[in-house]
Amino acid sequence: MKVHEFTLILTTDPNEKEADRLYSILDDGTITTVDGVPQIHFHRKAFSLESAIVSALLELRKAGFEVVRVHINPSTILGAIGSIDLRERGIDEAQAAEMRARLACFAEDWESPEMNVYDNYDEEKAKLQTR
């Protein structure tokens, strides 16, 4: 697993009692208020940035807090792209090479512009359903 860094912007500023409760739940977040904006900065261990953010969102919602925005530094996103550690997922070099060889025949099709629809699949599907 990798440590992912991101900030969740809260709708309300936790009072002292709520902050204590949050710190009892979160061991990887720091609660701050910057220019009147309540937020929690995370260094969360997870297999992906997405799973790190989703797990933090669920914990905050369960604790009774709502999040209005997620802030991620561009370098964090760029670092997450293409950096999947297959060893963390139990795939060794030989298995990775075999997988790459088996998928090579799909590469040209997958990289075609028509496949961009799958980047935002749910959004594109919703557009089709409203027609």
Protein backbone atom coordinates (compact mmCIF):
# COMPACT_ATOMS: atom_id res chain seq x y z
CA MET A 1 0.00 0.00 0.00
CA LYS A 2 0.99 3.59 -0.57
CA VAL A 3 0.43 6.76 1.49
CA HIS A 4 -1.87 9.22 -0.32
CA GLU A 5 -2.05 12.91 0.56
CA PHE A 6 -5.25 14.97 0.18
CA THR A 7 -7.42 17.48 2.03
CA LEU A 8 -11.16 17.29 2.68
CA ILE A 9 -12.98 20.61 3.08
CA LEU A 10 -15.75 20.39 5.69
CA THR A 11 -19.10 22.18 5.73
CA THR A 12 -18.77 23.06 9.43
CA ASP A 13 -15.90 23.75 11.79
CA PRO A 14 -15.75 21.04 14.47
CA ASN A 15 -15.93 22.30 18.04
CA GLU A 16 -13.43 21.00 20.60
CA LYS A 17 -15.57 17.99 21.59
CA GLU A 18 -16.20 17.07 17.92
CA ALA A 19 -12.51 17.47 17.11
CA ASP A 20 -11.60 15.11 19.96
CA ARG A 21 -14.13 12.59 18.60
CA LEU A 22 -12.66 12.91 15.09
CA TYR A 23 -9.13 12.39 16.38
CA SER A 24 -10.33 9.23 18.14
CA ILE A 25 -11.55 7.96 14.75
CA LEU A 26 -8.82 9.31 12.46
CA ASP A 27 -5.17 8.59 13.10
CA ASP A 28 -3.99 9.93 9.75
CA GLY A 29 -5.65 13.35 9.52
CA THR A 30 -4.96 16.81 10.91
CA ILE A 31 -7.89 19.15 11.54
CA THR A 32 -7.23 22.81 10.71
CA THR A 33 -9.08 25.97 9.78
CA VAL A 34 -7.43 28.07 7.09
CA ASP A 35 -8.94 31.50 6.36
CA GLY A 36 -12.17 30.36 8.02
CA VAL A 37 -12.35 27.13 5.98
CA PRO A 38 -12.51 23.96 8.13
CA GLN A 39 -10.52 21.08 6.66
CA ILE A 40 -8.74 17.85 7.42
CA HIS A 41 -5.43 17.07 5.74
CA PHE A 42 -4.82 13.34 5.31
CA HIS A 43 -1.82 11.06 4.81
CA ARG A 44 -3.81 7.86 4.25
CA LYS A 45 -2.48 4.41 3.41
CA ALA A 46 -4.44 2.67 0.65
CA PHE A 47 -3.96 0.81 -2.63
CA SER A 48 -5.22 3.81 -4.61
CA LEU A 49 -5.85 7.52 -4.16
CA GLU A 50 -9.53 6.94 -4.88
CA SER A 51 -9.90 4.29 -2.16
CA ALA A 52 -8.04 6.53 0.31
CA ILE A 53 -10.43 9.43 -0.34
CA VAL A 54 -13.56 7.27 -0.30
CA SER A 55 -12.63 5.65 3.02
CA ALA A 56 -11.99 9.08 4.60
CA LEU A 57 -15.30 10.42 3.24
CA LEU A 58 -17.19 7.46 4.68
CA GLU A 59 -15.54 7.84 8.09
CA LEU A 60 -16.37 11.55 8.23
CA ARG A 61 -19.97 10.96 7.15
CA LYS A 62 -20.33 8.26 9.80
CA ALA A 63 -19.01 10.76 12.36
CA GLY A 64 -21.69 13.24 11.27
CA PHE A 65 -19.62 15.56 9.08
CA GLU A 66 -20.20 16.55 5.48
CA VAL A 67 -17.48 17.32 2.98
CA VAL A 68 -17.99 19.98 0.31
CA ARG A 69 -14.74 19.57 -1.59
CA VAL A 70 -11.65 17.43 -1.98
CA HIS A 71 -8.36 19.20 -2.55
CA ILE A 72 -5.52 17.27 -4.20
CA ASN A 73 -2.21 18.77 -5.29
CA PRO A 74 -1.57 18.21 -9.02
CA SER A 75 1.72 16.47 -8.21
CA THR A 76 -0.21 13.94 -6.12
CA ILE A 77 -2.43 13.09 -9.08
CA LEU A 78 0.49 12.88 -11.49
CA GLY A 79 2.30 10.62 -9.05
CA ALA A 80 -0.72 8.32 -8.83
CA ILE A 81 -1.01 7.88 -12.61
CA GLY A 82 0.80 4.84 -13.86
CA SER A 83 2.33 4.08 -10.49
CA ILE A 84 0.48 0.92 -9.58
CA ASP A 85 2.85 -1.36 -7.72
CA LEU A 86 1.93 -4.80 -9.01
CA ARG A 87 4.06 -6.47 -6.33
CA GLU A 88 1.70 -5.01 -3.72
CA ARG A 89 -1.06 -6.88 -5.51
CA GLY A 90 0.79 -10.19 -5.60
CA ILE A 91 1.93 -9.96 -9.24
CA ASP A 92 5.61 -10.68 -9.92
CA GLU A 93 7.70 -9.63 -12.97
CA ALA A 94 7.01 -12.81 -14.93
CA GLN A 95 3.26 -12.54 -14.36
CA ALA A 96 3.32 -8.84 -15.32
CA ALA A 97 5.18 -9.63 -18.55
CA GLU A 98 2.68 -12.36 -19.41
CA MET A 99 -0.25 -10.04 -18.67
CA ARG A 100 1.30 -7.27 -20.80
CA ALA A 101 1.77 -9.70 -23.69
CA ARG A 102 -1.83 -10.96 -23.46
CA LEU A 103 -3.24 -7.42 -23.41
CA ALA A 104 -0.99 -6.02 -26.16
CA CYS A 105 -3.50 -6.92 -28.87
CA PHE A 106 -6.02 -4.55 -27.22
CA ALA A 107 -3.66 -1.57 -26.82
CA GLU A 108 -4.38 0.12 -30.16
CA ASP A 109 -8.15 -0.12 -29.69
CA TRP A 110 -8.02 0.96 -26.05
CA GLU A 111 -5.97 4.05 -26.85
CA SER A 112 -8.32 5.16 -29.65
CA PRO A 113 -10.34 8.38 -29.10
CA GLU A 114 -13.62 6.43 -29.13
CA MET A 115 -12.62 4.75 -25.88
CA ASN A 116 -12.52 8.09 -24.02
CA VAL A 117 -16.20 7.57 -23.26
CA TYR A 118 -15.11 5.02 -20.62
CA ASP A 119 -13.14 7.69 -18.75
CA ASN A 120 -16.48 9.14 -17.59
CA TYR A 121 -18.68 6.12 -18.13
CA ASP A 122 -21.44 6.96 -15.61
CA GLU A 123 -21.77 10.52 -16.93
CA GLU A 124 -21.94 9.37 -20.55
CA LYS A 125 -24.45 6.63 -19.69
CA ALA A 126 -26.67 9.18 -17.93
CA LYS A 127 -26.62 11.38 -21.07
CA LEU A 128 -27.86 8.46 -23.16
CA GLN A 129 -30.67 7.71 -20.72
CA THR A 130 -31.96 11.29 -20.83
CA ARG A 131 -32.34 11.31 -24.61
